[in-house]
N, C-alpha and C. Protein backbone atom coordinates (compact mmCIF):
# COMPACT_ATOMS: atom_id res chain seq x y z
N UNK A 1 11.05 -84.13 11.43
CA UNK A 1 11.83 -85.29 11.71
C UNK A 1 12.33 -86.02 10.32
N UNK A 2 11.45 -85.90 9.38
CA UNK A 2 11.91 -86.51 8.09
C UNK A 2 13.06 -85.78 7.52
N UNK A 3 13.11 -84.47 7.60
CA UNK A 3 14.21 -83.70 7.04
C UNK A 3 15.45 -83.98 7.83
N UNK A 4 15.42 -84.19 9.08
CA UNK A 4 16.62 -84.48 9.91
C UNK A 4 17.16 -85.87 9.47
N UNK A 5 16.24 -86.76 9.34
CA UNK A 5 16.66 -88.16 8.91
C UNK A 5 17.26 -88.09 7.54
N UNK A 6 16.62 -87.36 6.61
CA UNK A 6 17.17 -87.27 5.27
C UNK A 6 18.61 -86.69 5.34
N UNK A 7 18.67 -85.51 6.01
CA UNK A 7 19.96 -84.81 6.11
C UNK A 7 21.11 -85.79 6.62
N UNK A 8 20.71 -86.50 7.74
CA UNK A 8 21.74 -87.50 8.32
C UNK A 8 22.07 -88.51 7.31
N UNK A 9 21.10 -89.08 6.57
CA UNK A 9 21.39 -90.13 5.58
C UNK A 9 22.22 -89.58 4.38
N UNK A 10 21.99 -88.34 3.97
CA UNK A 10 22.72 -87.79 2.95
C UNK A 10 24.18 -87.69 3.37
N UNK A 11 24.42 -87.20 4.56
CA UNK A 11 25.77 -87.16 5.07
C UNK A 11 26.47 -88.50 5.06
N UNK A 12 25.70 -89.51 5.61
CA UNK A 12 26.33 -90.86 5.65
C UNK A 12 26.64 -91.35 4.24
N UNK A 13 25.68 -91.06 3.24
CA UNK A 13 25.92 -91.63 1.93
C UNK A 13 27.19 -90.89 1.34
N UNK A 14 27.31 -89.64 1.48
CA UNK A 14 28.42 -88.86 0.93
C UNK A 14 29.76 -89.34 1.66
N UNK A 15 29.70 -89.41 2.99
CA UNK A 15 30.92 -89.74 3.71
C UNK A 15 31.43 -91.13 3.45
N UNK A 16 30.47 -92.06 3.10
CA UNK A 16 30.85 -93.41 2.82
C UNK A 16 31.19 -93.67 1.38
N UNK A 17 31.13 -92.56 0.58
CA UNK A 17 31.47 -92.64 -0.84
C UNK A 17 30.42 -93.26 -1.79
N UNK A 18 29.13 -93.16 -1.29
CA UNK A 18 28.01 -93.62 -2.23
C UNK A 18 27.01 -92.54 -2.31
N UNK A 19 27.35 -91.34 -2.84
CA UNK A 19 26.42 -90.38 -2.97
C UNK A 19 25.27 -90.74 -3.97
N UNK A 20 25.54 -91.77 -4.79
CA UNK A 20 24.53 -92.15 -5.76
C UNK A 20 23.31 -92.72 -5.05
N UNK A 21 23.46 -93.16 -3.79
CA UNK A 21 22.29 -93.74 -3.08
C UNK A 21 21.48 -92.64 -2.32
N UNK A 22 21.81 -91.34 -2.44
CA UNK A 22 20.93 -90.32 -1.88
C UNK A 22 19.53 -90.33 -2.48
N UNK A 23 19.35 -90.38 -3.76
CA UNK A 23 18.02 -90.47 -4.35
C UNK A 23 17.25 -91.67 -3.86
N UNK A 24 17.80 -92.86 -3.92
CA UNK A 24 16.98 -94.00 -3.41
C UNK A 24 16.62 -93.89 -1.93
N UNK A 25 17.58 -93.42 -1.13
CA UNK A 25 17.35 -93.32 0.29
C UNK A 25 16.23 -92.27 0.56
N UNK A 26 16.31 -91.20 -0.19
CA UNK A 26 15.18 -90.13 0.06
C UNK A 26 13.87 -90.61 -0.35
N UNK A 27 13.84 -91.42 -1.48
CA UNK A 27 12.50 -91.92 -1.88
C UNK A 27 11.94 -92.86 -0.86
N UNK A 28 12.79 -93.68 -0.29
CA UNK A 28 12.31 -94.68 0.64
C UNK A 28 11.78 -93.93 1.92
N UNK A 29 12.58 -92.93 2.42
CA UNK A 29 12.23 -92.24 3.61
C UNK A 29 10.85 -91.48 3.41
N UNK A 30 10.78 -90.79 2.24
CA UNK A 30 9.54 -90.07 1.93
C UNK A 30 8.37 -91.05 1.86
N UNK A 31 8.54 -92.15 1.20
CA UNK A 31 7.49 -93.23 1.13
C UNK A 31 7.05 -93.68 2.42
N UNK A 32 7.99 -93.96 3.32
CA UNK A 32 7.69 -94.44 4.69
C UNK A 32 7.05 -93.35 5.52
N UNK A 33 7.38 -92.09 5.31
CA UNK A 33 6.77 -90.93 5.90
C UNK A 33 5.33 -90.75 5.64
N UNK A 34 4.87 -91.28 4.46
CA UNK A 34 3.51 -91.16 4.06
C UNK A 34 2.63 -92.10 4.80
N UNK A 35 3.19 -93.27 5.27
CA UNK A 35 2.37 -94.25 5.90
C UNK A 35 1.62 -93.72 7.13
N UNK A 36 2.18 -92.98 8.03
CA UNK A 36 1.41 -92.54 9.14
C UNK A 36 0.25 -91.59 8.80
N UNK A 37 0.38 -90.98 7.60
CA UNK A 37 -0.71 -90.07 7.15
C UNK A 37 -2.00 -90.84 6.80
N UNK A 38 -1.86 -92.19 6.56
CA UNK A 38 -2.99 -92.94 6.19
C UNK A 38 -3.95 -92.91 7.38
N UNK A 39 -3.52 -93.03 8.61
CA UNK A 39 -4.31 -92.92 9.83
C UNK A 39 -4.70 -91.60 10.18
N UNK A 40 -3.74 -90.60 10.07
CA UNK A 40 -4.00 -89.23 10.46
C UNK A 40 -5.13 -88.63 9.63
N UNK A 41 -5.17 -88.83 8.38
CA UNK A 41 -6.11 -88.29 7.43
C UNK A 41 -7.19 -89.25 7.04
N UNK A 42 -7.15 -90.49 7.66
CA UNK A 42 -8.15 -91.54 7.35
C UNK A 42 -8.27 -91.76 5.80
N UNK A 43 -7.09 -91.88 5.15
CA UNK A 43 -7.10 -92.04 3.74
C UNK A 43 -6.29 -93.28 3.40
N UNK A 44 -6.97 -94.45 3.37
CA UNK A 44 -6.21 -95.64 3.05
C UNK A 44 -5.52 -95.69 1.67
N UNK A 45 -6.09 -94.82 0.83
CA UNK A 45 -5.46 -94.73 -0.52
C UNK A 45 -4.04 -94.16 -0.56
N UNK A 46 -3.66 -93.50 0.60
CA UNK A 46 -2.25 -92.91 0.63
C UNK A 46 -1.27 -94.04 0.72
N UNK A 47 -1.68 -95.34 1.03
CA UNK A 47 -0.76 -96.43 0.94
C UNK A 47 -0.22 -96.67 -0.43
N UNK A 48 -0.90 -96.23 -1.46
CA UNK A 48 -0.38 -96.37 -2.91
C UNK A 48 0.80 -95.54 -3.08
N UNK A 49 0.81 -94.23 -2.94
CA UNK A 49 1.98 -93.46 -3.11
C UNK A 49 3.08 -93.84 -2.30
N UNK A 50 2.79 -94.27 -1.02
CA UNK A 50 3.80 -94.72 -0.08
C UNK A 50 4.53 -95.97 -0.60
N UNK A 51 3.80 -96.92 -1.02
CA UNK A 51 4.33 -98.15 -1.60
C UNK A 51 5.13 -97.80 -2.93
N UNK A 52 4.56 -96.98 -3.74
CA UNK A 52 5.27 -96.66 -5.01
C UNK A 52 6.61 -95.94 -4.78
N UNK A 53 6.61 -95.00 -3.82
CA UNK A 53 7.95 -94.26 -3.56
C UNK A 53 8.97 -95.20 -2.88
N UNK A 54 8.55 -96.08 -2.02
CA UNK A 54 9.44 -97.09 -1.51
C UNK A 54 9.99 -97.94 -2.58
N UNK A 55 9.10 -98.39 -3.44
CA UNK A 55 9.45 -99.18 -4.60
C UNK A 55 10.46 -98.52 -5.48
N UNK A 56 10.27 -97.25 -5.77
CA UNK A 56 11.16 -96.42 -6.59
C UNK A 56 12.60 -96.41 -5.92
N UNK A 57 12.60 -96.18 -4.62
CA UNK A 57 13.93 -96.11 -3.97
C UNK A 57 14.57 -97.44 -3.95
N UNK A 58 13.83 -98.59 -3.77
CA UNK A 58 14.38 -99.88 -3.79
C UNK A 58 14.91 -100.28 -5.15
N UNK A 59 14.10 -99.86 -6.12
CA UNK A 59 14.54 -100.14 -7.54
C UNK A 59 15.85 -99.39 -7.89
N UNK A 60 15.99 -98.14 -7.45
CA UNK A 60 17.23 -97.44 -7.63
C UNK A 60 18.39 -98.16 -6.92
N UNK A 61 18.21 -98.63 -5.69
CA UNK A 61 19.20 -99.34 -4.97
C UNK A 61 19.56 -100.67 -5.69
N UNK A 62 18.59 -101.34 -6.32
CA UNK A 62 18.89 -102.62 -6.95
C UNK A 62 19.75 -102.27 -8.24
N UNK A 63 19.36 -101.19 -8.92
CA UNK A 63 20.11 -100.89 -10.15
C UNK A 63 21.60 -100.59 -9.71
N UNK A 64 21.77 -99.78 -8.68
CA UNK A 64 23.11 -99.55 -8.11
C UNK A 64 23.83 -100.82 -7.71
N UNK A 65 23.06 -101.75 -6.99
CA UNK A 65 23.59 -102.96 -6.59
C UNK A 65 24.08 -103.92 -7.58
N UNK A 66 23.47 -103.89 -8.77
CA UNK A 66 23.94 -104.75 -9.91
C UNK A 66 24.98 -104.00 -10.72
N UNK A 67 25.44 -102.81 -10.32
CA UNK A 67 26.49 -102.18 -11.04
C UNK A 67 26.02 -101.18 -12.07
N UNK A 68 24.75 -100.76 -12.07
CA UNK A 68 24.31 -99.72 -12.91
C UNK A 68 24.97 -98.42 -12.73
N UNK A 69 25.13 -97.59 -13.77
CA UNK A 69 25.71 -96.27 -13.55
C UNK A 69 24.84 -95.35 -12.77
N UNK A 70 25.54 -94.32 -12.14
CA UNK A 70 24.81 -93.38 -11.33
C UNK A 70 23.62 -92.68 -12.14
N UNK A 71 23.80 -92.38 -13.41
CA UNK A 71 22.84 -91.71 -14.09
C UNK A 71 21.56 -92.65 -14.30
N UNK A 72 21.81 -93.90 -14.48
CA UNK A 72 20.61 -94.86 -14.46
C UNK A 72 19.95 -94.94 -13.12
N UNK A 73 20.69 -94.95 -12.02
CA UNK A 73 20.06 -95.01 -10.72
C UNK A 73 19.15 -93.65 -10.54
N UNK A 74 19.71 -92.56 -10.90
CA UNK A 74 18.93 -91.27 -10.72
C UNK A 74 17.70 -91.32 -11.67
N UNK A 75 17.87 -91.84 -12.91
CA UNK A 75 16.72 -91.91 -13.81
C UNK A 75 15.66 -92.84 -13.29
N UNK A 76 16.00 -94.03 -12.79
CA UNK A 76 15.03 -94.90 -12.28
C UNK A 76 14.25 -94.29 -11.10
N UNK A 77 14.99 -93.81 -10.13
CA UNK A 77 14.34 -93.20 -8.96
C UNK A 77 13.49 -92.04 -9.25
N UNK A 78 14.14 -91.12 -10.06
CA UNK A 78 13.33 -89.96 -10.50
C UNK A 78 12.13 -90.21 -11.28
N UNK A 79 12.27 -91.01 -12.34
CA UNK A 79 11.14 -91.31 -13.23
C UNK A 79 10.05 -92.14 -12.43
N UNK A 80 10.44 -93.14 -11.75
CA UNK A 80 9.38 -93.89 -10.94
C UNK A 80 8.68 -93.04 -9.96
N UNK A 81 9.45 -92.15 -9.25
CA UNK A 81 8.84 -91.27 -8.29
C UNK A 81 7.97 -90.28 -8.90
N UNK A 82 8.34 -89.63 -9.99
CA UNK A 82 7.46 -88.72 -10.71
C UNK A 82 6.25 -89.39 -11.25
N UNK A 83 6.40 -90.48 -11.92
CA UNK A 83 5.21 -91.15 -12.46
C UNK A 83 4.21 -91.56 -11.35
N UNK A 84 4.77 -92.10 -10.26
CA UNK A 84 3.82 -92.52 -9.20
C UNK A 84 3.10 -91.33 -8.63
N UNK A 85 3.80 -90.18 -8.40
CA UNK A 85 3.19 -89.00 -7.78
C UNK A 85 2.12 -88.44 -8.82
N UNK A 86 2.49 -88.26 -10.08
CA UNK A 86 1.57 -87.80 -11.11
C UNK A 86 0.39 -88.70 -11.22
N UNK A 87 0.62 -90.00 -11.17
CA UNK A 87 -0.49 -91.01 -11.26
C UNK A 87 -1.49 -90.87 -10.10
N UNK A 88 -0.93 -90.74 -8.92
CA UNK A 88 -1.77 -90.53 -7.75
C UNK A 88 -2.57 -89.25 -7.79
N UNK A 89 -1.85 -88.25 -8.30
CA UNK A 89 -2.58 -86.92 -8.45
C UNK A 89 -3.72 -87.09 -9.49
N UNK A 90 -3.49 -87.77 -10.56
CA UNK A 90 -4.54 -87.94 -11.61
C UNK A 90 -5.71 -88.76 -11.01
N UNK A 91 -5.26 -89.81 -10.26
CA UNK A 91 -6.32 -90.67 -9.66
C UNK A 91 -7.24 -89.84 -8.67
N UNK A 92 -6.56 -89.01 -7.98
CA UNK A 92 -7.32 -88.10 -6.95
C UNK A 92 -8.17 -87.15 -7.73
N UNK A 93 -7.74 -86.53 -8.84
CA UNK A 93 -8.50 -85.56 -9.54
C UNK A 93 -9.72 -86.31 -10.27
N UNK A 94 -9.49 -87.41 -10.81
CA UNK A 94 -10.53 -88.18 -11.39
C UNK A 94 -11.65 -88.59 -10.37
N UNK A 95 -11.14 -89.03 -9.25
CA UNK A 95 -12.14 -89.30 -8.07
C UNK A 95 -12.85 -88.17 -7.69
N UNK A 96 -12.17 -87.02 -7.57
CA UNK A 96 -12.87 -85.81 -7.12
C UNK A 96 -13.92 -85.29 -8.24
N UNK A 97 -13.52 -85.42 -9.50
CA UNK A 97 -14.50 -85.02 -10.57
C UNK A 97 -15.64 -86.01 -10.48
N UNK A 98 -15.41 -87.27 -10.38
CA UNK A 98 -16.55 -88.19 -10.35
C UNK A 98 -17.45 -87.89 -9.15
N UNK A 99 -16.97 -87.64 -8.06
CA UNK A 99 -17.69 -87.33 -6.78
C UNK A 99 -18.48 -85.94 -6.98
N UNK A 100 -17.88 -85.03 -7.73
CA UNK A 100 -18.63 -83.77 -7.97
C UNK A 100 -19.87 -84.03 -8.91
N UNK A 101 -19.61 -84.87 -9.93
CA UNK A 101 -20.74 -85.16 -10.82
C UNK A 101 -21.83 -85.90 -10.11
N UNK A 102 -21.42 -86.84 -9.17
CA UNK A 102 -22.41 -87.60 -8.45
C UNK A 102 -23.28 -86.66 -7.55
N UNK A 103 -22.65 -85.71 -7.00
CA UNK A 103 -23.33 -84.71 -6.14
C UNK A 103 -24.22 -83.76 -6.86
N UNK A 104 -23.96 -83.59 -8.21
CA UNK A 104 -24.73 -82.64 -9.02
C UNK A 104 -26.02 -83.26 -9.55
N UNK A 105 -26.10 -84.62 -9.48
CA UNK A 105 -27.30 -85.27 -10.03
C UNK A 105 -28.45 -85.30 -9.06
């Protein structure tokens, strides 16, 4: 469903002459898609990447809205998305390592 929605929104962005909004829209959709996984996997910490991805998309939209160049919109969305996902991955690995040490004692 996510891919269909993203595909439709990409078409809308391109046809309305704002392809620069593809990145922000994708970030928001992916962030919102993570929210149901909180309940499915019983992992409340998934709210963090969801919120960060939505924030990245909104930040890119704000940059575009104030007249920022397309390259800056892409940089903001891409960098914030990447940092948020790498940060959550590191958080998960540190938590798993700490859990492994606790089980070894």
